[in-house]
Amino acid sequence: MLDLTRLQALHAVATFGTVTAAAGALHCTPSAISQHLAKLERETKATLVEKDGRTLRLTEAGRVLVEHAGRVLDAVEEAEAALAAHRETVSGHLTIASFPTACRGLLPYALRALAVDHPGLEPTLQESDRQVSLDGIVRGTIDVALIDEWLEIPVNVPPGVAVSELGLDVGDLILPAGHRLAESAGPVTLEEVHEERWIGSKPGTVCHEWLRRMLPGVHPTIMVNEFETQLTFVAEGLGVAFVPRLARTALPVGVTARPITPEAARRVSVAWRASAAGRPAIGATVAALRDAWRHRAIFTLPSVWDAGQGAVHVV
């Protein structure tokens, strides 16, 4: 019978590309990974990996075994989750990843609730964009992730990842208080401010891509990722910005928020490995995030989407 630890080592090398990276993911030494691979090759009487520069490349036999190893490891994780659910204990380590605005807007409330209700749980939090978070879930380095999705830029959810919607975060046009449109009646169209000086996120971010898609030809003159910083530039009359409501707690003096038409909103969702869905810690964390979202009910406004809140899909 093939050794599970050796299969895990091969799967980690296939996922992370190098012995050193695989060792870091499995919390062991590179020499231990190399020994596991050597023993697995002797066990299977096949060459499973080959050197390719600084990385390792799977042979055809290695690819076949890794495909099966992935299913075996998923089954083991499901068994562990089922056993944890049987014990009904919410404890142990849990890694949460989140996009920046949800870190500020949702996680403090959720983590405080988890600390009160489940003192045996040891969550850690890291800020990352959605693709890094989804990759971490697939690789097993992240347990739960908060991700955002603009309608115009759909998320490519990897296979085996479960996603559940929390709600919709509507965005507004942010103007200096003395702007010609600051006191206008009704929503503002983006075309009305196409020629304005724009303050936006840096290239390579989802929000920057969204703005360029919505307003072709717009080139922000001030580019900072932190929305709170964008608001300070708007307050000084240096331009206009588009800011989701989850990204702000209060507007600074000298700034006005106007709704836009058509309404623009991003879907905020929580994701985890489908094979780990039975872990009580996962369920408790998702529940805490749902409570945090309801706590900020100001953001659950009428939707541009037809999808019902709370739907779960696994890709």
C-alpha atoms as a PDB file:
ATOM      1  CA  MET A   1       0.000   0.000   0.000  1.00  0.00           C
ATOM      2  CA  LEU A   2       1.293   3.452  -0.902  1.00  0.00           C
ATOM      3  CA  ASP A   3       2.375   5.574   2.031  1.00  0.00           C
ATOM      4  CA  LEU A   4       0.096   8.601   2.586  1.00  0.00           C
ATOM      5  CA  THR A   5       2.891  10.875   3.788  1.00  0.00           C
ATOM      6  CA  ARG A   6       4.901  10.162   0.641  1.00  0.00           C
ATOM      7  CA  LEU A   7       1.877  10.841  -1.550  1.00  0.00           C
ATOM      8  CA  GLN A   8       1.399  14.115   0.298  1.00  0.00           C
ATOM      9  CA  ALA A   9       5.035  15.060  -0.390  1.00  0.00           C
ATOM     10  CA  LEU A  10       4.658  14.333  -4.117  1.00  0.00           C
ATOM     11  CA  HIS A  11       1.412  16.298  -4.284  1.00  0.00           C
ATOM     12  CA  ALA A  12       3.050  19.258  -2.530  1.00  0.00           C
ATOM     13  CA  VAL A  13       5.977  19.245  -4.970  1.00  0.00           C
ATOM     14  CA  ALA A  14       3.522  19.155  -7.888  1.00  0.00           C
ATOM     15  CA  THR A  15       1.591  22.073  -6.378  1.00  0.00           C
ATOM     16  CA  PHE A  16       4.465  24.308  -5.295  1.00  0.00           C
ATOM     17  CA  GLY A  17       7.117  23.388  -7.865  1.00  0.00           C
ATOM     18  CA  THR A  18      10.173  22.989  -5.625  1.00  0.00           C
ATOM     19  CA  VAL A  19      11.270  20.797  -2.745  1.00  0.00           C
ATOM     20  CA  THR A  20      11.887  23.861  -0.573  1.00  0.00           C
ATOM     21  CA  ALA A  21       8.412  25.306  -1.182  1.00  0.00           C
ATOM     22  CA  ALA A  22       6.792  21.918  -0.600  1.00  0.00           C
ATOM     23  CA  ALA A  23       8.709  21.553   2.664  1.00  0.00           C
ATOM     24  CA  GLY A  24       7.497  24.957   3.803  1.00  0.00           C
ATOM     25  CA  ALA A  25       3.880  24.041   3.055  1.00  0.00           C
ATOM     26  CA  LEU A  26       4.142  20.739   4.926  1.00  0.00           C
ATOM     27  CA  HIS A  27       6.199  22.188   7.797  1.00  0.00           C
ATOM     28  CA  CYS A  28       9.126  19.820   7.389  1.00  0.00           C
ATOM     29  CA  THR A  29      12.676  19.961   6.017  1.00  0.00           C
ATOM     30  CA  PRO A  30      13.606  19.819   2.319  1.00  0.00           C
ATOM     31  CA  SER A  31      15.661  16.698   3.019  1.00  0.00           C
ATOM     32  CA  ALA A  32      12.540  14.996   4.400  1.00  0.00           C
ATOM     33  CA  ILE A  33      10.662  15.795   1.182  1.00  0.00           C
ATOM     34  CA  SER A  34      13.535  14.426  -0.918  1.00  0.00           C
ATOM     35  CA  GLN A  35      13.591  11.239   1.150  1.00  0.00           C
ATOM     36  CA  HIS A  36       9.835  10.779   0.759  1.00  0.00           C
ATOM     37  CA  LEU A  37      10.133  11.182  -3.024  1.00  0.00           C
ATOM     38  CA  ALA A  38      13.017   8.723  -3.256  1.00  0.00           C
ATOM     39  CA  LYS A  39      11.159   6.122  -1.186  1.00  0.00           C
ATOM     40  CA  LEU A  40       7.992   6.636  -3.245  1.00  0.00           C
ATOM     41  CA  GLU A  41       9.919   6.068  -6.474  1.00  0.00           C
ATOM     42  CA  ARG A  42      11.389   2.861  -5.069  1.00  0.00           C
ATOM     43  CA  GLU A  43       7.939   1.835  -3.874  1.00  0.00           C
ATOM     44  CA  THR A  44       6.308   2.439  -7.261  1.00  0.00           C
ATOM     45  CA  LYS A  45       9.353   1.336  -9.320  1.00  0.00           C
ATOM     46  CA  ALA A  46       8.907   4.486 -11.437  1.00  0.00           C
ATOM     47  CA  THR A  47      10.602   7.839 -11.935  1.00  0.00           C
ATOM     48  CA  LEU A  48       8.084  10.392 -10.715  1.00  0.00           C
ATOM     49  CA  VAL A  49       9.940  13.735 -10.948  1.00  0.00           C
ATOM     50  CA  GLU A  50      12.740  15.190 -13.061  1.00  0.00           C
ATOM     51  CA  LYS A  51      14.829  18.322 -12.564  1.00  0.00           C
ATOM     52  CA  ASP A  52      13.850  21.280 -14.730  1.00  0.00           C
ATOM     53  CA  GLY A  53      16.218  24.096 -13.852  1.00  0.00           C
ATOM     54  CA  ARG A  54      15.472  25.122 -10.287  1.00  0.00           C
ATOM     55  CA  THR A  55      12.137  23.341 -10.227  1.00  0.00           C
ATOM     56  CA  LEU A  56      10.945  19.769 -10.487  1.00  0.00           C
ATOM     57  CA  ARG A  57       8.823  18.505 -13.344  1.00  0.00           C
ATOM     58  CA  LEU A  58       6.483  15.546 -13.053  1.00  0.00           C
ATOM     59  CA  THR A  59       7.030  12.619 -15.378  1.00  0.00           C
ATOM     60  CA  GLU A  60       4.012  10.974 -17.000  1.00  0.00           C
ATOM     61  CA  ALA A  61       3.987   8.416 -14.191  1.00  0.00           C
ATOM     62  CA  GLY A  62       4.220  11.244 -11.677  1.00  0.00           C
ATOM     63  CA  ARG A  63       1.227  13.036 -13.216  1.00  0.00           C
ATOM     64  CA  VAL A  64      -0.869   9.880 -13.038  1.00  0.00           C
ATOM     65  CA  LEU A  65       0.021   9.328  -9.389  1.00  0.00           C
ATOM     66  CA  VAL A  66      -0.522  12.988  -8.424  1.00  0.00           C
ATOM     67  CA  GLU A  67      -4.002  12.933  -9.938  1.00  0.00           C
ATOM     68  CA  HIS A  68      -4.932   9.974  -7.757  1.00  0.00           C
ATOM     69  CA  ALA A  69      -3.073  11.410  -4.767  1.00  0.00           C
ATOM     70  CA  GLY A  70      -5.199  14.549  -4.953  1.00  0.00           C
ATOM     71  CA  ARG A  71      -8.380  12.500  -4.642  1.00  0.00           C
ATOM     72  CA  VAL A  72      -6.909  10.460  -1.798  1.00  0.00           C
ATOM     73  CA  LEU A  73      -5.866  13.573   0.132  1.00  0.00           C
ATOM     74  CA  ASP A  74      -9.299  15.151  -0.396  1.00  0.00           C
ATOM     75  CA  ALA A  75     -10.894  12.002   0.990  1.00  0.00           C
ATOM     76  CA  VAL A  76      -8.584  12.100   4.020  1.00  0.00           C
ATOM     77  CA  GLU A  77      -9.483  15.753   4.657  1.00  0.00           C
ATOM     78  CA  GLU A  78     -13.177  14.903   4.392  1.00  0.00           C
ATOM     79  CA  ALA A  79     -12.678  12.093   6.910  1.00  0.00           C
ATOM     80  CA  GLU A  80     -10.851  14.434   9.296  1.00  0.00           C
ATOM     81  CA  ALA A  81     -13.624  17.013   8.911  1.00  0.00           C
ATOM     82  CA  ALA A  82     -16.285  14.387   9.601  1.00  0.00           C
ATOM     83  CA  LEU A  83     -14.433  13.247  12.732  1.00  0.00           C
ATOM     84  CA  ALA A  84     -14.096  16.857  13.914  1.00  0.00           C
ATOM     85  CA  ALA A  85     -17.808  17.383  13.281  1.00  0.00           C
ATOM     86  CA  HIS A  86     -18.539  14.252  15.291  1.00  0.00           C
ATOM     87  CA  ARG A  87     -16.599  15.737  18.203  1.00  0.00           C
ATOM     88  CA  GLU A  88     -18.383  19.064  17.569  1.00  0.00           C
ATOM     89  CA  THR A  89     -15.387  21.043  18.762  1.00  0.00           C
ATOM     90  CA  VAL A  90     -14.477  24.397  17.256  1.00  0.00           C
ATOM     91  CA  SER A  91     -10.776  24.532  17.969  1.00  0.00           C
ATOM     92  CA  GLY A  92      -7.322  24.463  16.412  1.00  0.00           C
ATOM     93  CA  HIS A  93      -5.558  26.656  13.898  1.00  0.00           C
ATOM     94  CA  LEU A  94      -7.432  28.348  11.057  1.00  0.00           C
ATOM     95  CA  THR A  95      -6.008  30.670   8.405  1.00  0.00           C
ATOM     96  CA  ILE A  96      -8.289  33.381   7.030  1.00  0.00           C
ATOM     97  CA  ALA A  97      -7.474  35.540   3.998  1.00  0.00           C
ATOM     98  CA  SER A  98      -9.377  38.642   2.939  1.00  0.00           C
ATOM     99  CA  PHE A  99      -9.295  41.484   0.446  1.00  0.00           C
ATOM    100  CA  PRO A 100      -8.314  44.771   2.170  1.00  0.00           C
ATOM    101  CA  THR A 101     -11.674  46.515   2.640  1.00  0.00           C
ATOM    102  CA  ALA A 102     -13.282  43.432   4.162  1.00  0.00           C
ATOM    103  CA  CYS A 103     -10.297  43.182   6.526  1.00  0.00           C
ATOM    104  CA  ARG A 104     -11.334  46.520   7.967  1.00  0.00           C
ATOM    105  CA  GLY A 105     -15.085  46.312   7.479  1.00  0.00           C
ATOM    106  CA  LEU A 106     -15.905  42.730   8.500  1.00  0.00           C
ATOM    107  CA  LEU A 107     -13.030  40.853  10.130  1.00  0.00           C
ATOM    108  CA  PRO A 108     -12.708  42.813  13.404  1.00  0.00           C
ATOM    109  CA  TYR A 109     -16.357  42.054  14.255  1.00  0.00           C
ATOM    110  CA  ALA A 110     -16.105  38.418  13.103  1.00  0.00           C
ATOM    111  CA  LEU A 111     -12.836  37.681  14.914  1.00  0.00           C
ATOM    112  CA  ARG A 112     -14.102  39.222  18.128  1.00  0.00           C
ATOM    113  CA  ALA A 113     -17.225  37.039  17.951  1.00  0.00           C
ATOM    114  CA  LEU A 114     -15.118  33.929  17.334  1.00  0.00           C
ATOM    115  CA  ALA A 115     -12.871  34.755  20.298  1.00  0.00           C
ATOM    116  CA  VAL A 116     -15.897  35.041  22.581  1.00  0.00           C
ATOM    117  CA  ASP A 117     -17.845  32.045  21.300  1.00  0.00           C
ATOM    118  CA  HIS A 118     -14.959  29.684  20.510  1.00  0.00           C
ATOM    119  CA  PRO A 119     -11.913  30.435  22.681  1.00  0.00           C
ATOM    120  CA  GLY A 120     -10.261  27.178  21.580  1.00  0.00           C
ATOM    121  CA  LEU A 121     -10.044  28.402  17.976  1.00  0.00           C
ATOM    122  CA  GLU A 122      -6.763  30.050  16.942  1.00  0.00           C
ATOM    123  CA  PRO A 123      -7.449  32.052  13.769  1.00  0.00           C
ATOM    124  CA  THR A 124      -4.769  33.945  11.878  1.00  0.00           C
ATOM    125  CA  LEU A 125      -5.562  36.625   9.306  1.00  0.00           C
ATOM    126  CA  GLN A 126      -3.678  37.716   6.210  1.00  0.00           C
ATOM    127  CA  GLU A 127      -4.599  40.408   3.698  1.00  0.00           C
ATOM    128  CA  SER A 128      -4.481  39.318   0.058  1.00  0.00           C
ATOM    129  CA  ASP A 129      -6.325  39.821  -3.195  1.00  0.00           C
ATOM    130  CA  ARG A 130      -8.840  37.262  -4.346  1.00  0.00           C
ATOM    131  CA  GLN A 131      -6.635  35.278  -6.741  1.00  0.00           C
ATOM    132  CA  VAL A 132      -3.919  34.810  -4.123  1.00  0.00           C
ATOM    133  CA  SER A 133      -6.604  33.756  -1.639  1.00  0.00           C
ATOM    134  CA  LEU A 134      -8.172  31.236  -4.020  1.00  0.00           C
ATOM    135  CA  ASP A 135      -4.754  29.812  -4.884  1.00  0.00           C
ATOM    136  CA  GLY A 136      -4.041  29.471  -1.171  1.00  0.00           C
ATOM    137  CA  ILE A 137      -7.272  27.543  -0.631  1.00  0.00           C
ATOM    138  CA  VAL A 138      -6.374  25.131  -3.423  1.00  0.00           C
ATOM    139  CA  ARG A 139      -2.850  24.683  -2.047  1.00  0.00           C
ATOM    140  CA  GLY A 140      -4.073  24.189   1.485  1.00  0.00           C
ATOM    141  CA  THR A 141      -2.309  27.215   2.957  1.00  0.00           C
ATOM    142  CA  ILE A 142      -5.589  29.116   3.495  1.00  0.00           C
ATOM    143  CA  ASP A 143      -8.730  27.676   5.097  1.00  0.00           C
ATOM    144  CA  VAL A 144     -11.302  30.441   4.584  1.00  0.00           C
ATOM    145  CA  ALA A 145     -11.170  33.461   2.286  1.00  0.00           C
ATOM    146  CA  LEU A 146     -13.255  36.567   1.721  1.00  0.00           C
ATOM    147  CA  ILE A 147     -13.306  37.447  -1.981  1.00  0.00           C
ATOM    148  CA  ASP A 148     -14.926  40.185  -4.065  1.00  0.00           C
ATOM    149  CA  GLU A 149     -16.309  40.010  -7.596  1.00  0.00           C
ATOM    150  CA  TRP A 150     -17.432  42.829  -9.876  1.00  0.00           C
ATOM    151  CA  LEU A 151     -20.166  41.897 -12.331  1.00  0.00           C
ATOM    152  CA  GLU A 152     -17.982  42.988 -15.240  1.00  0.00           C
ATOM    153  CA  ILE A 153     -14.995  40.926 -14.018  1.00  0.00           C
ATOM    154  CA  PRO A 154     -16.251  37.473 -12.980  1.00  0.00           C
ATOM    155  CA  VAL A 155     -14.180  35.257 -10.704  1.00  0.00           C
ATOM    156  CA  ASN A 156     -12.675  32.047 -12.053  1.00  0.00           C
ATOM    157  CA  VAL A 157     -13.268  29.736  -9.090  1.00  0.00           C
ATOM    158  CA  PRO A 158     -10.935  26.690  -9.089  1.00  0.00           C
ATOM    159  CA  PRO A 159     -12.374  23.186  -8.934  1.00  0.00           C
ATOM    160  CA  GLY A 160     -13.029  21.896  -5.435  1.00  0.00           C
ATOM    161  CA  VAL A 161     -13.594  25.343  -3.911  1.00  0.00           C
ATOM    162  CA  ALA A 162     -16.971  26.124  -2.330  1.00  0.00           C
ATOM    163  CA  VAL A 163     -18.214  29.729  -2.501  1.00  0.00           C
ATOM    164  CA  SER A 164     -21.119  31.275  -0.587  1.00  0.00           C
ATOM    165  CA  GLU A 165     -22.330  34.820  -1.179  1.00  0.00           C
ATOM    166  CA  LEU A 166     -22.555  37.183   1.793  1.00  0.00           C
ATOM    167  CA  GLY A 167     -24.123  40.107  -0.032  1.00  0.00           C
ATOM    168  CA  LEU A 168     -23.562  43.010  -2.398  1.00  0.00           C
ATOM    169  CA  ASP A 169     -21.377  46.035  -1.754  1.00  0.00           C
ATOM    170  CA  VAL A 170     -22.682  49.043  -3.674  1.00  0.00           C
ATOM    171  CA  GLY A 171     -20.268  51.743  -4.821  1.00  0.00           C
ATOM    172  CA  ASP A 172     -20.778  55.515  -5.014  1.00  0.00           C
ATOM    173  CA  LEU A 173     -19.191  58.407  -6.837  1.00  0.00           C
ATOM    174  CA  ILE A 174     -17.135  60.461  -4.361  1.00  0.00           C
ATOM    175  CA  LEU A 175     -16.944  64.187  -5.095  1.00  0.00           C
ATOM    176  CA  PRO A 176     -15.441  67.263  -3.449  1.00  0.00           C
ATOM    177  CA  ALA A 177     -18.191  69.061  -1.518  1.00  0.00           C
ATOM    178  CA  GLY A 178     -18.105  72.045  -3.885  1.00  0.00           C
ATOM    179  CA  HIS A 179     -18.334  69.979  -7.072  1.00  0.00           C
ATOM    180  CA  ARG A 180     -20.989  70.963  -9.626  1.00  0.00           C
ATOM    181  CA  LEU A 181     -22.710  67.573  -9.174  1.00  0.00           C
ATOM    182  CA  ALA A 182     -22.469  67.411  -5.391  1.00  0.00           C
ATOM    183  CA  GLU A 183     -26.016  68.673  -4.834  1.00  0.00           C
ATOM    184  CA  SER A 184     -27.599  67.304  -8.015  1.00  0.00           C
ATOM    185  CA  ALA A 185     -30.957  65.556  -7.765  1.00  0.00           C
ATOM    186  CA  GLY A 186     -30.965  61.841  -8.445  1.00  0.00           C
ATOM    187  CA  PRO A 187     -28.106  59.474  -9.346  1.00  0.00           C
ATOM    188  CA  VAL A 188     -25.155  60.593 -11.456  1.00  0.00           C
ATOM    189  CA  THR A 189     -24.049  58.797 -14.594  1.00  0.00           C
ATOM    190  CA  LEU A 190     -20.364  58.005 -14.961  1.00  0.00           C
ATOM    191  CA  GLU A 191     -20.439  59.681 -18.368  1.00  0.00           C
ATOM    192  CA  GLU A 192     -21.105  63.002 -16.598  1.00  0.00           C
ATOM    193  CA  VAL A 193     -17.727  62.779 -14.888  1.00  0.00           C
ATOM    194  CA  HIS A 194     -15.768  61.048 -17.644  1.00  0.00           C
ATOM    195  CA  GLU A 195     -13.570  64.108 -18.208  1.00  0.00           C
ATOM    196  CA  GLU A 196     -12.873  64.719 -14.526  1.00  0.00           C
ATOM    197  CA  ARG A 197      -9.515  64.094 -12.887  1.00  0.00           C
ATOM    198  CA  TRP A 198      -9.830  60.605 -11.435  1.00  0.00           C
ATOM    199  CA  ILE A 199      -8.350  59.124  -8.290  1.00  0.00           C
ATOM    200  CA  GLY A 200      -8.198  55.348  -8.404  1.00  0.00           C
ATOM    201  CA  SER A 201      -6.439  52.139  -7.487  1.00  0.00           C
ATOM    202  CA  LYS A 202      -3.104  51.097  -8.953  1.00  0.00           C
ATOM    203  CA  PRO A 203      -2.837  49.094 -12.196  1.00  0.00           C
ATOM    204  CA  GLY A 204      -3.053  45.354 -11.652  1.00  0.00           C
ATOM    205  CA  THR A 205      -5.858  45.614  -9.113  1.00  0.00           C
ATOM    206  CA  VAL A 206      -9.450  44.523  -9.700  1.00  0.00           C
ATOM    207  CA  CYS A 207     -10.774  48.021  -8.917  1.00  0.00           C
ATOM    208  CA  HIS A 208      -8.428  49.637 -11.455  1.00  0.00           C
ATOM    209  CA  GLU A 209      -9.517  47.163 -14.117  1.00  0.00           C
ATOM    210  CA  TRP A 210     -13.174  47.790 -13.295  1.00  0.00           C
ATOM    211  CA  LEU A 211     -12.804  51.574 -13.671  1.00  0.00           C
ATOM    212  CA  ARG A 212     -11.006  51.231 -17.011  1.00  0.00           C
ATOM    213  CA  ARG A 213     -13.773  48.919 -18.278  1.00  0.00           C
ATOM    214  CA  MET A 214     -16.578  51.203 -17.119  1.00  0.00           C
ATOM    215  CA  LEU A 215     -14.909  54.373 -18.410  1.00  0.00           C
ATOM    216  CA  PRO A 216     -12.700  53.527 -21.423  1.00  0.00           C
ATOM    217  CA  GLY A 217     -10.002  56.116 -21.868  1.00  0.00           C
ATOM    218  CA  VAL A 218      -9.918  57.227 -18.224  1.00  0.00           C
ATOM    219  CA  HIS A 219      -6.415  57.368 -16.741  1.00  0.00           C
ATOM    220  CA  PRO A 220      -6.356  58.118 -13.006  1.00  0.00           C
ATOM    221  CA  THR A 221      -3.784  60.775 -12.153  1.00  0.00           C
ATOM    222  CA  ILE A 222      -3.541  59.704  -8.502  1.00  0.00           C
ATOM    223  CA  MET A 223      -3.301  55.959  -7.937  1.00  0.00           C
ATOM    224  CA  VAL A 224      -3.416  54.526  -4.413  1.00  0.00           C
ATOM    225  CA  ASN A 225      -5.010  51.252  -3.347  1.00  0.00           C
ATOM    226  CA  GLU A 226      -6.231  52.361   0.065  1.00  0.00           C
ATOM    227  CA  PHE A 227      -9.727  53.827  -0.304  1.00  0.00           C
ATOM    228  CA  GLU A 228      -9.433  55.890   2.856  1.00  0.00           C
ATOM    229  CA  THR A 229      -6.421  57.625   1.285  1.00  0.00           C
ATOM    230  CA  GLN A 230      -8.387  58.225  -1.912  1.00  0.00           C
ATOM    231  CA  LEU A 231     -11.020  60.024   0.161  1.00  0.00           C
ATOM    232  CA  THR A 232      -8.423  62.433   1.567  1.00  0.00           C
ATOM    233  CA  PHE A 233      -7.343  63.410  -1.957  1.00  0.00           C
ATOM    234  CA  VAL A 234     -10.969  63.982  -2.980  1.00  0.00           C
ATOM    235  CA  ALA A 235     -11.457  66.164   0.114  1.00  0.00           C
ATOM    236  CA  GLU A 236      -8.619  68.386  -1.125  1.00  0.00           C
ATOM    237  CA  GLY A 237     -10.394  68.866  -4.460  1.00  0.00           C
ATOM    238  CA  LEU A 238      -7.800  66.881  -6.427  1.00  0.00           C
ATOM    239  CA  GLY A 239     -10.261  64.684  -8.290  1.00  0.00           C
ATOM    240  CA  VAL A 240     -13.214  62.320  -8.049  1.00  0.00           C
ATOM    241  CA  ALA A 241     -13.262  58.627  -7.122  1.00  0.00           C
ATOM    242  CA  PHE A 242     -15.478  55.563  -7.068  1.00  0.00           C
ATOM    243  CA  VAL A 243     -15.534  53.930  -3.642  1.00  0.00           C
ATOM    244  CA  PRO A 244     -17.535  50.882  -2.430  1.00  0.00           C
ATOM    245  CA  ARG A 245     -19.508  51.452   0.761  1.00  0.00           C
ATOM    246  CA  LEU A 246     -17.751  48.628   2.598  1.00  0.00           C
ATOM    247  CA  ALA A 247     -14.522  50.579   2.136  1.00  0.00           C
ATOM    248  CA  ARG A 248     -15.583  53.513   4.287  1.00  0.00           C
ATOM    249  CA  THR A 249     -16.982  54.013   7.752  1.00  0.00           C
ATOM    250  CA  ALA A 250     -17.573  57.762   7.459  1.00  0.00           C
ATOM    251  CA  LEU A 251     -16.869  60.448   4.882  1.00  0.00           C
ATOM    252  CA  PRO A 252     -14.284  63.101   5.763  1.00  0.00           C
ATOM    253  CA  VAL A 253     -15.219  66.767   5.840  1.00  0.00           C
ATOM    254  CA  GLY A 254     -15.300  68.269   2.355  1.00  0.00           C
ATOM    255  CA  VAL A 255     -16.489  65.109   0.587  1.00  0.00           C
ATOM    256  CA  THR A 256     -19.880  64.126  -0.829  1.00  0.00           C
ATOM    257  CA  ALA A 257     -21.041  60.670  -1.952  1.00  0.00           C
ATOM    258  CA  ARG A 258     -23.492  60.423  -4.850  1.00  0.00           C
ATOM    259  CA  PRO A 259     -25.191  57.245  -6.123  1.00  0.00           C
ATOM    260  CA  ILE A 260     -24.502  56.368  -9.735  1.00  0.00           C
ATOM    261  CA  THR A 261     -26.669  54.919 -12.453  1.00  0.00           C
ATOM    262  CA  PRO A 262     -26.631  52.195 -13.507  1.00  0.00           C
ATOM    263  CA  GLU A 263     -25.888  50.952 -10.003  1.00  0.00           C
ATOM    264  CA  ALA A 264     -22.473  49.304  -9.607  1.00  0.00           C
ATOM    265  CA  ALA A 265     -21.904  46.681  -6.950  1.00  0.00           C
ATOM    266  CA  ARG A 266     -19.517  43.877  -6.175  1.00  0.00           C
ATOM    267  CA  ARG A 267     -20.451  40.490  -4.814  1.00  0.00           C
ATOM    268  CA  VAL A 268     -18.748  39.708  -1.490  1.00  0.00           C
ATOM    269  CA  SER A 269     -18.381  35.972  -0.843  1.00  0.00           C
ATOM    270  CA  VAL A 270     -16.665  33.543   1.490  1.00  0.00           C
ATOM    271  CA  ALA A 271     -14.765  30.551   0.083  1.00  0.00           C
ATOM    272  CA  TRP A 272     -13.262  27.348   1.480  1.00  0.00           C
ATOM    273  CA  ARG A 273     -12.143  23.884   0.337  1.00  0.00           C
ATOM    274  CA  ALA A 274     -15.192  21.767  -0.358  1.00  0.00           C
ATOM    275  CA  SER A 275     -13.457  18.745   1.164  1.00  0.00           C
ATOM    276  CA  ALA A 276     -13.108  20.632   4.476  1.00  0.00           C
ATOM    277  CA  ALA A 277     -16.729  21.776   4.644  1.00  0.00           C
ATOM    278  CA  GLY A 278     -17.481  19.450   7.574  1.00  0.00           C
ATOM    279  CA  ARG A 279     -14.925  21.073   9.893  1.00  0.00           C
ATOM    280  CA  PRO A 280     -16.747  22.822  12.737  1.00  0.00           C
ATOM    281  CA  ALA A 281     -14.120  25.594  12.611  1.00  0.00           C
ATOM    282  CA  ILE A 282     -15.035  26.318   8.979  1.00  0.00           C
ATOM    283  CA  GLY A 283     -18.743  26.406   9.767  1.00  0.00           C
ATOM    284  CA  ALA A 284     -18.238  28.665  12.790  1.00  0.00           C
ATOM    285  CA  THR A 285     -16.062  31.081  10.809  1.00  0.00           C
ATOM    286  CA  VAL A 286     -18.512  31.308   7.914  1.00  0.00           C
ATOM    287  CA  ALA A 287     -21.342  31.919  10.410  1.00  0.00           C
ATOM    288  CA  ALA A 288     -19.326  34.688  12.102  1.00  0.00           C
ATOM    289  CA  LEU A 289     -18.681  36.350   8.756  1.00  0.00           C
ATOM    290  CA  ARG A 290     -22.398  36.191   7.927  1.00  0.00           C
ATOM    291  CA  ASP A 291     -23.186  37.834  11.263  1.00  0.00           C
ATOM    292  CA  ALA A 292     -20.578  40.519  10.552  1.00  0.00           C
ATOM    293  CA  TRP A 293     -22.186  41.208   7.190  1.00  0.00           C
ATOM    294  CA  ARG A 294     -25.655  41.496   8.752  1.00  0.00           C
ATOM    295  CA  HIS A 295     -24.176  43.791  11.390  1.00  0.00           C
ATOM    296  CA  ARG A 296     -23.229  46.125   8.564  1.00  0.00           C
ATOM    297  CA  ALA A 297     -26.730  46.009   7.075  1.00  0.00           C
ATOM    298  CA  ILE A 298     -26.242  49.452   5.561  1.00  0.00           C
ATOM    299  CA  PHE A 299     -24.381  47.755   2.722  1.00  0.00           C
ATOM    300  CA  THR A 300     -27.103  45.238   1.786  1.00  0.00           C
ATOM    301  CA  LEU A 301     -28.938  47.476  -0.668  1.00  0.00           C
ATOM    302  CA  PRO A 302     -31.021  46.532  -3.743  1.00  0.00           C
ATOM    303  CA  SER A 303     -28.974  44.447  -6.093  1.00  0.00           C
ATOM    304  CA  VAL A 304     -27.988  44.614  -9.726  1.00  0.00           C
ATOM    305  CA  TRP A 305     -27.793  40.809  -9.501  1.00  0.00           C
ATOM    306  CA  ASP A 306     -30.669  38.390  -9.524  1.00  0.00           C
ATOM    307  CA  ALA A 307     -28.871  35.774  -7.387  1.00  0.00           C
ATOM    308  CA  GLY A 308     -30.292  35.166  -3.929  1.00  0.00           C
ATOM    309  CA  GLN A 309     -28.066  35.762  -0.925  1.00  0.00           C
ATOM    310  CA  GLY A 310     -26.632  32.699   0.733  1.00  0.00           C
ATOM    311  CA  ALA A 311     -26.442  30.486  -2.352  1.00  0.00           C
ATOM    312  CA  VAL A 312     -23.507  28.079  -2.292  1.00  0.00           C
ATOM    313  CA  HIS A 313     -21.843  26.678  -5.366  1.00  0.00           C
ATOM    314  CA  VAL A 314     -18.905  24.337  -5.741  1.00  0.00           C
ATOM    315  CA  VAL A 315     -16.826  24.448  -8.909  1.00  0.00           C
END
